[in-house]
Amino acid sequence: METNVKPQETFQRFHILHRILHIVIIFNFTFLAITGFLLHFSGFGLAKFLVSLMGGAGAAGWLHRFCAVFLYMGILAHIFWLFYYKFVLKQKFSGPDSILPGKKDIKDLYQNLRYVFNKGTPPLFDRFSYLQKHDYWAEMLGMQSMGLTGLMMWYPEFFAGIFPGFFINIAGYFHFYEAVLAVLYIGVVHMSDTHLVPDIFPMEKSIFTGKIEKARFMEDHPEEWKRQQMIKD
């Protein structure tokens, strides 16, 4: 006996540009983490063996820098999008659709903390929750310092002509320990608050498909849903 399952109504959430950029950043970030840690620990056991399979430290370093360039191109595309959003689409950085933090995010954080301790109701999020904004800007701003320290290590002679030589060593320490923080943040915080949520597990698909189902839209972004219905009416 065949049963006709009615497909759920979906709504557009992410532009094709942001979906492509997300995939580019995921791919390059993963290879940056793998090659970076292998190079850092290349004198030890398994890492030494894996680096040799990649063709040696020179080849692993080339792949690391190649991925770094493409990752940062994705970051620059995001920055250009912010300018496009503001000056071409004539949108406000402080508007409800903006990725920039605002007063509502502070109120939502406070309300969510009250809800966690059973002191109130959960906040009603708009297009982006304060957690999503924090994820975005933690990664966006973190990549700037990673890029700068990476450049200093890539061109040590040039930067040693501008700064004292020990700055290159400091850049190396900053680069490694920030890489550790970045991997931990993505692997623990971002994965747990985005993909490992019980009603979403095993994956938040909207960033890949660009679509969000009506039920999830209404539950996760009720303020945006309300605004869209008001526009329709």
C-alpha atoms as a PDB file:
ATOM      1  CA  MET A   1       0.000   0.000   0.000  1.00  0.00           C
ATOM      2  CA  GLU A   2       1.495   3.288  -1.057  1.00  0.00           C
ATOM      3  CA  THR A   3       1.259   6.351   1.122  1.00  0.00           C
ATOM      4  CA  ASN A   4       1.641   9.821  -0.271  1.00  0.00           C
ATOM      5  CA  VAL A   5       3.806  11.893   2.032  1.00  0.00           C
ATOM      6  CA  LYS A   6       3.145  15.553   1.481  1.00  0.00           C
ATOM      7  CA  PRO A   7       6.449  17.462   1.182  1.00  0.00           C
ATOM      8  CA  GLN A   8       6.951  20.074   3.859  1.00  0.00           C
ATOM      9  CA  GLU A   9       6.775  23.708   2.824  1.00  0.00           C
ATOM     10  CA  THR A  10      10.187  25.342   2.761  1.00  0.00           C
ATOM     11  CA  PHE A  11      11.469  28.908   2.686  1.00  0.00           C
ATOM     12  CA  GLN A  12      14.664  30.448   1.363  1.00  0.00           C
ATOM     13  CA  ARG A  13      17.135  31.132   4.176  1.00  0.00           C
ATOM     14  CA  PHE A  14      20.607  31.374   2.631  1.00  0.00           C
ATOM     15  CA  HIS A  15      21.749  32.891  -0.666  1.00  0.00           C
ATOM     16  CA  ILE A  16      23.719  30.638  -3.030  1.00  0.00           C
ATOM     17  CA  LEU A  17      26.806  32.816  -2.443  1.00  0.00           C
ATOM     18  CA  HIS A  18      26.827  32.119   1.295  1.00  0.00           C
ATOM     19  CA  ARG A  19      26.278  28.403   0.749  1.00  0.00           C
ATOM     20  CA  ILE A  20      29.231  28.175  -1.630  1.00  0.00           C
ATOM     21  CA  LEU A  21      31.435  30.247   0.682  1.00  0.00           C
ATOM     22  CA  HIS A  22      30.526  28.032   3.621  1.00  0.00           C
ATOM     23  CA  ILE A  23      31.611  24.925   1.714  1.00  0.00           C
ATOM     24  CA  VAL A  24      34.843  26.623   0.607  1.00  0.00           C
ATOM     25  CA  ILE A  25      35.647  27.628   4.184  1.00  0.00           C
ATOM     26  CA  ILE A  26      34.800  24.180   5.603  1.00  0.00           C
ATOM     27  CA  PHE A  27      37.026  22.438   3.067  1.00  0.00           C
ATOM     28  CA  ASN A  28      39.997  24.752   3.449  1.00  0.00           C
ATOM     29  CA  PHE A  29      39.714  25.086   7.234  1.00  0.00           C
ATOM     30  CA  THR A  30      39.785  21.289   7.573  1.00  0.00           C
ATOM     31  CA  PHE A  31      42.900  20.915   5.433  1.00  0.00           C
ATOM     32  CA  LEU A  32      44.556  23.863   7.180  1.00  0.00           C
ATOM     33  CA  ALA A  33      44.000  22.206  10.543  1.00  0.00           C
ATOM     34  CA  ILE A  34      45.287  18.826   9.337  1.00  0.00           C
ATOM     35  CA  THR A  35      48.385  20.135   7.568  1.00  0.00           C
ATOM     36  CA  GLY A  36      49.137  22.724  10.253  1.00  0.00           C
ATOM     37  CA  PHE A  37      49.121  20.255  13.141  1.00  0.00           C
ATOM     38  CA  LEU A  38      51.018  17.664  11.111  1.00  0.00           C
ATOM     39  CA  LEU A  39      53.726  20.230  10.370  1.00  0.00           C
ATOM     40  CA  HIS A  40      53.900  21.364  13.994  1.00  0.00           C
ATOM     41  CA  PHE A  41      54.325  17.792  15.235  1.00  0.00           C
ATOM     42  CA  SER A  42      56.191  16.496  12.175  1.00  0.00           C
ATOM     43  CA  GLY A  43      59.057  15.215  14.293  1.00  0.00           C
ATOM     44  CA  PHE A  44      56.868  12.781  16.182  1.00  0.00           C
ATOM     45  CA  GLY A  45      55.677   9.283  15.251  1.00  0.00           C
ATOM     46  CA  LEU A  46      52.469   9.188  13.217  1.00  0.00           C
ATOM     47  CA  ALA A  47      52.689  12.849  12.202  1.00  0.00           C
ATOM     48  CA  LYS A  48      56.161  12.284  10.773  1.00  0.00           C
ATOM     49  CA  PHE A  49      54.870   9.318   8.771  1.00  0.00           C
ATOM     50  CA  LEU A  50      51.833  11.226   7.436  1.00  0.00           C
ATOM     51  CA  VAL A  51      53.956  14.222   6.419  1.00  0.00           C
ATOM     52  CA  SER A  52      56.265  11.874   4.503  1.00  0.00           C
ATOM     53  CA  LEU A  53      53.214  10.452   2.677  1.00  0.00           C
ATOM     54  CA  MET A  54      52.310  14.004   1.635  1.00  0.00           C
ATOM     55  CA  GLY A  55      55.727  14.410   0.049  1.00  0.00           C
ATOM     56  CA  GLY A  56      57.585  15.894   2.989  1.00  0.00           C
ATOM     57  CA  ALA A  57      57.380  19.103   4.973  1.00  0.00           C
ATOM     58  CA  GLY A  58      57.816  21.232   1.847  1.00  0.00           C
ATOM     59  CA  ALA A  59      54.777  19.724   0.133  1.00  0.00           C
ATOM     60  CA  ALA A  60      52.696  19.855   3.324  1.00  0.00           C
ATOM     61  CA  GLY A  61      53.692  23.502   3.797  1.00  0.00           C
ATOM     62  CA  TRP A  62      52.718  24.321   0.211  1.00  0.00           C
ATOM     63  CA  LEU A  63      49.295  22.687   0.680  1.00  0.00           C
ATOM     64  CA  HIS A  64      48.829  24.564   3.968  1.00  0.00           C
ATOM     65  CA  ARG A  65      49.543  27.924   2.337  1.00  0.00           C
ATOM     66  CA  PHE A  66      47.400  27.061  -0.707  1.00  0.00           C
ATOM     67  CA  CYS A  67      44.400  26.357   1.542  1.00  0.00           C
ATOM     68  CA  ALA A  68      45.146  29.493   3.569  1.00  0.00           C
ATOM     69  CA  VAL A  69      44.906  31.660   0.455  1.00  0.00           C
ATOM     70  CA  PHE A  70      41.558  30.182  -0.583  1.00  0.00           C
ATOM     71  CA  LEU A  71      40.202  30.356   2.958  1.00  0.00           C
ATOM     72  CA  TYR A  72      41.056  34.026   3.179  1.00  0.00           C
ATOM     73  CA  MET A  73      39.518  34.657  -0.235  1.00  0.00           C
ATOM     74  CA  GLY A  74      36.296  33.328   1.288  1.00  0.00           C
ATOM     75  CA  ILE A  75      36.706  35.690   4.258  1.00  0.00           C
ATOM     76  CA  LEU A  76      37.250  38.635   1.893  1.00  0.00           C
ATOM     77  CA  ALA A  77      34.122  37.669  -0.046  1.00  0.00           C
ATOM     78  CA  HIS A  78      32.164  37.848   3.214  1.00  0.00           C
ATOM     79  CA  ILE A  79      33.595  41.303   3.909  1.00  0.00           C
ATOM     80  CA  PHE A  80      32.695  42.498   0.406  1.00  0.00           C
ATOM     81  CA  TRP A  81      29.190  41.105   0.947  1.00  0.00           C
ATOM     82  CA  LEU A  82      28.788  43.274   4.053  1.00  0.00           C
ATOM     83  CA  PHE A  83      29.609  46.357   1.977  1.00  0.00           C
ATOM     84  CA  TYR A  84      27.238  45.167  -0.782  1.00  0.00           C
ATOM     85  CA  TYR A  85      24.537  44.611   1.849  1.00  0.00           C
ATOM     86  CA  LYS A  86      24.981  48.144   3.152  1.00  0.00           C
ATOM     87  CA  PHE A  87      25.663  50.281   0.081  1.00  0.00           C
ATOM     88  CA  VAL A  88      24.016  48.408  -2.800  1.00  0.00           C
ATOM     89  CA  LEU A  89      21.061  46.697  -1.142  1.00  0.00           C
ATOM     90  CA  LYS A  90      20.661  49.779   1.119  1.00  0.00           C
ATOM     91  CA  GLN A  91      20.143  47.627   4.217  1.00  0.00           C
ATOM     92  CA  LYS A  92      20.877  48.761   7.757  1.00  0.00           C
ATOM     93  CA  PHE A  93      23.644  47.111   9.743  1.00  0.00           C
ATOM     94  CA  SER A  94      21.419  47.445  12.797  1.00  0.00           C
ATOM     95  CA  GLY A  95      18.319  45.952  11.154  1.00  0.00           C
ATOM     96  CA  PRO A  96      16.642  42.679  12.150  1.00  0.00           C
ATOM     97  CA  ASP A  97      18.236  40.837   9.208  1.00  0.00           C
ATOM     98  CA  SER A  98      21.745  42.033  10.071  1.00  0.00           C
ATOM     99  CA  ILE A  99      24.473  39.694  11.301  1.00  0.00           C
ATOM    100  CA  LEU A 100      25.848  42.479  13.520  1.00  0.00           C
ATOM    101  CA  PRO A 101      25.057  42.197  17.257  1.00  0.00           C
ATOM    102  CA  GLY A 102      22.456  44.624  18.623  1.00  0.00           C
ATOM    103  CA  LYS A 103      20.493  45.482  21.750  1.00  0.00           C
ATOM    104  CA  LYS A 104      18.065  42.623  21.129  1.00  0.00           C
ATOM    105  CA  ASP A 105      20.924  40.118  21.333  1.00  0.00           C
ATOM    106  CA  ILE A 106      21.847  41.332  24.818  1.00  0.00           C
ATOM    107  CA  LYS A 107      18.205  41.035  25.887  1.00  0.00           C
ATOM    108  CA  ASP A 108      17.966  37.569  24.296  1.00  0.00           C
ATOM    109  CA  LEU A 109      21.104  36.424  26.116  1.00  0.00           C
ATOM    110  CA  TYR A 110      19.723  37.639  29.438  1.00  0.00           C
ATOM    111  CA  GLN A 111      16.329  36.050  28.767  1.00  0.00           C
ATOM    112  CA  ASN A 112      17.933  32.769  27.703  1.00  0.00           C
ATOM    113  CA  LEU A 113      19.975  32.636  30.907  1.00  0.00           C
ATOM    114  CA  ARG A 114      16.773  33.160  32.895  1.00  0.00           C
ATOM    115  CA  TYR A 115      15.115  30.392  30.890  1.00  0.00           C
ATOM    116  CA  VAL A 116      18.033  27.999  31.542  1.00  0.00           C
ATOM    117  CA  PHE A 117      17.559  28.520  35.282  1.00  0.00           C
ATOM    118  CA  ASN A 118      13.763  28.144  34.980  1.00  0.00           C
ATOM    119  CA  LYS A 119      13.121  31.837  35.632  1.00  0.00           C
ATOM    120  CA  GLY A 120      11.239  32.715  32.455  1.00  0.00           C
ATOM    121  CA  THR A 121      10.354  31.826  28.891  1.00  0.00           C
ATOM    122  CA  PRO A 122      12.878  31.289  26.072  1.00  0.00           C
ATOM    123  CA  PRO A 123      13.729  34.287  23.857  1.00  0.00           C
ATOM    124  CA  LEU A 124      12.128  34.702  20.436  1.00  0.00           C
ATOM    125  CA  PHE A 125      14.939  34.917  17.915  1.00  0.00           C
ATOM    126  CA  ASP A 126      14.903  36.866  14.675  1.00  0.00           C
ATOM    127  CA  ARG A 127      16.836  35.928  11.523  1.00  0.00           C
ATOM    128  CA  PHE A 128      20.018  35.236  13.520  1.00  0.00           C
ATOM    129  CA  SER A 129      20.275  34.370  17.207  1.00  0.00           C
ATOM    130  CA  TYR A 130      23.004  35.835  19.381  1.00  0.00           C
ATOM    131  CA  LEU A 131      24.730  32.425  19.292  1.00  0.00           C
ATOM    132  CA  GLN A 132      24.836  32.439  15.500  1.00  0.00           C
ATOM    133  CA  LYS A 133      26.179  35.997  15.468  1.00  0.00           C
ATOM    134  CA  HIS A 134      28.829  35.044  18.003  1.00  0.00           C
ATOM    135  CA  ASP A 135      29.856  32.056  15.865  1.00  0.00           C
ATOM    136  CA  TYR A 136      30.131  34.228  12.780  1.00  0.00           C
ATOM    137  CA  TRP A 137      32.168  37.041  14.322  1.00  0.00           C
ATOM    138  CA  ALA A 138      34.396  34.783  16.418  1.00  0.00           C
ATOM    139  CA  GLU A 139      35.485  33.050  13.229  1.00  0.00           C
ATOM    140  CA  MET A 140      35.570  36.193  11.086  1.00  0.00           C
ATOM    141  CA  LEU A 141      37.736  38.190  13.508  1.00  0.00           C
ATOM    142  CA  GLY A 142      39.842  35.195  14.499  1.00  0.00           C
ATOM    143  CA  MET A 143      40.828  34.622  10.885  1.00  0.00           C
ATOM    144  CA  GLN A 144      42.269  38.139  10.683  1.00  0.00           C
ATOM    145  CA  SER A 145      44.925  37.496  13.327  1.00  0.00           C
ATOM    146  CA  MET A 146      45.516  33.996  11.949  1.00  0.00           C
ATOM    147  CA  GLY A 147      46.072  35.510   8.521  1.00  0.00           C
ATOM    148  CA  LEU A 148      48.475  38.171   9.797  1.00  0.00           C
ATOM    149  CA  THR A 149      50.602  35.770  11.867  1.00  0.00           C
ATOM    150  CA  GLY A 150      50.561  33.291   8.984  1.00  0.00           C
ATOM    151  CA  LEU A 151      51.878  35.945   6.600  1.00  0.00           C
ATOM    152  CA  MET A 152      54.668  36.814   9.041  1.00  0.00           C
ATOM    153  CA  MET A 153      55.732  33.169   9.089  1.00  0.00           C
ATOM    154  CA  TRP A 154      55.373  32.861   5.303  1.00  0.00           C
ATOM    155  CA  TYR A 155      57.580  35.915   4.612  1.00  0.00           C
ATOM    156  CA  PRO A 156      59.871  36.152   7.656  1.00  0.00           C
ATOM    157  CA  GLU A 157      62.616  38.101   5.839  1.00  0.00           C
ATOM    158  CA  PHE A 158      60.214  40.827   4.778  1.00  0.00           C
ATOM    159  CA  PHE A 159      58.621  41.261   8.192  1.00  0.00           C
ATOM    160  CA  ALA A 160      61.966  41.018   9.976  1.00  0.00           C
ATOM    161  CA  GLY A 161      62.888  44.157   8.038  1.00  0.00           C
ATOM    162  CA  ILE A 162      59.920  45.948   9.642  1.00  0.00           C
ATOM    163  CA  PHE A 163      59.770  44.410  13.133  1.00  0.00           C
ATOM    164  CA  PRO A 164      62.416  42.964  15.442  1.00  0.00           C
ATOM    165  CA  GLY A 165      63.221  39.365  14.534  1.00  0.00           C
ATOM    166  CA  PHE A 166      61.714  37.897  17.687  1.00  0.00           C
ATOM    167  CA  PHE A 167      58.295  39.079  16.448  1.00  0.00           C
ATOM    168  CA  ILE A 168      58.395  36.176  13.961  1.00  0.00           C
ATOM    169  CA  ASN A 169      58.788  33.724  16.839  1.00  0.00           C
ATOM    170  CA  ILE A 170      55.917  35.401  18.698  1.00  0.00           C
ATOM    171  CA  ALA A 171      53.788  35.165  15.535  1.00  0.00           C
ATOM    172  CA  GLY A 172      54.509  31.415  15.407  1.00  0.00           C
ATOM    173  CA  TYR A 173      53.308  30.918  18.980  1.00  0.00           C
ATOM    174  CA  PHE A 174      50.184  33.011  18.393  1.00  0.00           C
ATOM    175  CA  HIS A 175      49.449  31.180  15.141  1.00  0.00           C
ATOM    176  CA  PHE A 176      49.671  27.728  16.711  1.00  0.00           C
ATOM    177  CA  TYR A 177      47.710  28.411  19.884  1.00  0.00           C
ATOM    178  CA  GLU A 178      45.007  30.333  18.057  1.00  0.00           C
ATOM    179  CA  ALA A 179      44.741  27.406  15.654  1.00  0.00           C
ATOM    180  CA  VAL A 180      44.174  25.137  18.677  1.00  0.00           C
ATOM    181  CA  LEU A 181      41.442  27.493  19.930  1.00  0.00           C
ATOM    182  CA  ALA A 182      39.853  27.694  16.463  1.00  0.00           C
ATOM    183  CA  VAL A 183      39.687  23.904  16.065  1.00  0.00           C
ATOM    184  CA  LEU A 184      38.305  23.488  19.592  1.00  0.00           C
ATOM    185  CA  TYR A 185      35.741  26.228  19.012  1.00  0.00           C
ATOM    186  CA  ILE A 186      34.554  24.800  15.693  1.00  0.00           C
ATOM    187  CA  GLY A 187      34.671  21.211  16.925  1.00  0.00           C
ATOM    188  CA  VAL A 188      32.954  21.779  20.268  1.00  0.00           C
ATOM    189  CA  VAL A 189      30.986  25.050  20.368  1.00  0.00           C
ATOM    190  CA  HIS A 190      29.905  25.478  16.746  1.00  0.00           C
ATOM    191  CA  MET A 191      29.157  21.781  16.215  1.00  0.00           C
ATOM    192  CA  SER A 192      27.189  21.451  19.458  1.00  0.00           C
ATOM    193  CA  ASP A 193      25.069  24.597  19.093  1.00  0.00           C
ATOM    194  CA  THR A 194      24.461  24.110  15.352  1.00  0.00           C
ATOM    195  CA  HIS A 195      24.546  20.450  14.331  1.00  0.00           C
ATOM    196  CA  LEU A 196      24.241  18.429  17.550  1.00  0.00           C
ATOM    197  CA  VAL A 197      21.009  20.014  18.774  1.00  0.00           C
ATOM    198  CA  PRO A 198      18.621  17.063  19.410  1.00  0.00           C
ATOM    199  CA  ASP A 199      15.896  18.094  16.925  1.00  0.00           C
ATOM    200  CA  ILE A 200      18.494  18.914  14.223  1.00  0.00           C
ATOM    201  CA  PHE A 201      21.044  16.100  14.672  1.00  0.00           C
ATOM    202  CA  PRO A 202      22.982  14.895  12.761  1.00  0.00           C
ATOM    203  CA  MET A 203      23.263  18.008  10.589  1.00  0.00           C
ATOM    204  CA  GLU A 204      21.863  21.490  10.076  1.00  0.00           C
ATOM    205  CA  LYS A 205      21.141  21.263   6.356  1.00  0.00           C
ATOM    206  CA  SER A 206      19.873  24.774   5.608  1.00  0.00           C
ATOM    207  CA  ILE A 207      23.372  26.212   5.102  1.00  0.00           C
ATOM    208  CA  PHE A 208      23.879  23.604   2.342  1.00  0.00           C
ATOM    209  CA  THR A 209      20.412  23.518   0.780  1.00  0.00           C
ATOM    210  CA  GLY A 210      19.565  27.171   1.400  1.00  0.00           C
ATOM    211  CA  LYS A 211      16.079  26.102   2.534  1.00  0.00           C
ATOM    212  CA  ILE A 212      14.432  25.850   5.935  1.00  0.00           C
ATOM    213  CA  GLU A 213      11.248  23.916   6.685  1.00  0.00           C
ATOM    214  CA  LYS A 214       8.207  25.885   7.812  1.00  0.00           C
ATOM    215  CA  ALA A 215       7.955  24.196  11.217  1.00  0.00           C
ATOM    216  CA  ARG A 216      11.604  24.916  12.031  1.00  0.00           C
ATOM    217  CA  PHE A 217      11.334  28.432  10.673  1.00  0.00           C
ATOM    218  CA  MET A 218       8.439  29.195  12.990  1.00  0.00           C
ATOM    219  CA  GLU A 219      10.129  27.573  15.990  1.00  0.00           C
ATOM    220  CA  ASP A 220      13.735  28.764  15.593  1.00  0.00           C
ATOM    221  CA  HIS A 221      13.151  32.219  14.060  1.00  0.00           C
ATOM    222  CA  PRO A 222       9.668  33.289  15.222  1.00  0.00           C
ATOM    223  CA  GLU A 223      10.366  37.029  14.989  1.00  0.00           C
ATOM    224  CA  GLU A 224      11.492  36.761  11.375  1.00  0.00           C
ATOM    225  CA  TRP A 225       8.495  34.548  10.599  1.00  0.00           C
ATOM    226  CA  LYS A 226       6.175  37.142  12.128  1.00  0.00           C
ATOM    227  CA  ARG A 227       7.749  39.939  10.062  1.00  0.00           C
ATOM    228  CA  GLN A 228       7.377  37.968   6.835  1.00  0.00           C
ATOM    229  CA  GLN A 229       3.727  37.243   7.526  1.00  0.00           C
ATOM    230  CA  MET A 230       3.092  40.937   8.225  1.00  0.00           C
ATOM    231  CA  ILE A 231       4.689  41.815   4.875  1.00  0.00           C
ATOM    232  CA  LYS A 232       2.456  39.294   3.086  1.00  0.00           C
ATOM    233  CA  ASP A 233      -0.646  40.654   4.787  1.00  0.00           C
END
